[in-house]
Amino acid sequence: MSQPHGPPDRPGAWNGPQPPPPARPTPPPRPVPPQQPGRPPAPQPGAARPGGPQPDPRSPEPRQRPRPSAFKDLFNGVGYLLRGIGWAARHPAQWLFGLIPALIVLAVYVAALVFLAYRLDDLAGWVTGFADGWPDAARTSARVVAGLALYGSALFLAVITFTAVTLLVGDPFYEAIAVRVEESQGGAPPDPDVPLLVQIGRAVKDTLILGAVALVFAVVFFACGFLPVVGQTVVPVVAALVSGYFLAGELTSIALERRGLRRRERFARLKADRPLVVGFGAATFVVFLIPLGAVLAMPGAVAGATLLARERLAGEPPAEAALTSAQ
């Protein structure tokens, strides 16, 4: 027996099955703008982007370790020299051992510089022969500037070549110091499989090339020394930075050659960390200018260069080294 229906005008009463609500009209598709040739299609709303899932913009992205700034690397290079001097101070036997070749080379260089100072007036007069007809004050000023430029260039050349010649003469001494530094830091790489005569020939070749490059820079700095004000202020600073770069190249050669790197590859790595290398080399150059500083600080400079090469220059070769070695 069916249940009776309530009155249709009674609120809340069930009046039987209701018809379904009318369907909402589907909006027409949005027009797609014409695609210009040569441009990728614009992504549609809600469509997946190519290239796989995208990272959540709210999640922090992993950050790469920032590379030290050039200014900071400059002081980091000075720190490597201080670390090397500290290592030599903690190993006095190695420090005394490294003084022997430096003292021998120093005696020869001092004799040459003293002879140059004795003949400096004659050389300055010969260089400034064009000023013979000038007034006395102008002629004297020109010869003084020429004498300073001559002796400064000779001193620059001496500092540059002193390290190369000392390393060439005392190669067994400084090789032993570099090995001791490497062992104190965890172990030294094995000896390169290169005959001794080949190593000596490469060292002589590198020394001659470095001497030729240093001579070119010495001539340039000598000519720039005649410039008023600039020749007595800016040129010495630039000379210190340039000589420091080449000094670092010579001092780090012991540790880098032990890792099988030739001269071009070594300087490619120096170029990749130029501020660091210049900071180390310029500080070494300043120390070498102090009387007897080149002798007393030579073992520490070798130790600091070994630390620098081990920690910063002996990693993966940069692009410059790969291109250079491929030529």
Foldseek 3Di string as FASTA:
>chain_A
DDDDFDDPPDPPGDHDDDDDDDDDDDDDDDDQDDDDPPDDGDDDPPDDDPDDDDDDPVDDDDDDDDDDDLVVLLVVLVVLLVVLLVVCVVVVVLLVLLLVLLVVLVVVLVVVLVVCVVCLQVVLCVVVVVCPVPPPVVSVVSSVLLSVLVSVLSVLLCLLLSLLVSCLVCVVSLLVLLQVLQVVVPGAADADPDDPVVVSVLSVVVSVVSSVVSNVLSVVLSVLLPDPPCNVPVSVVVSLLVSLLSSLLSLLCSRVVRVVDHSQQSVQLCVVSVSNSSSNRSSLSVQVVPVCSCSSSVSSSSSSSSVCCVPRRVDDRDPSSVVVVVD
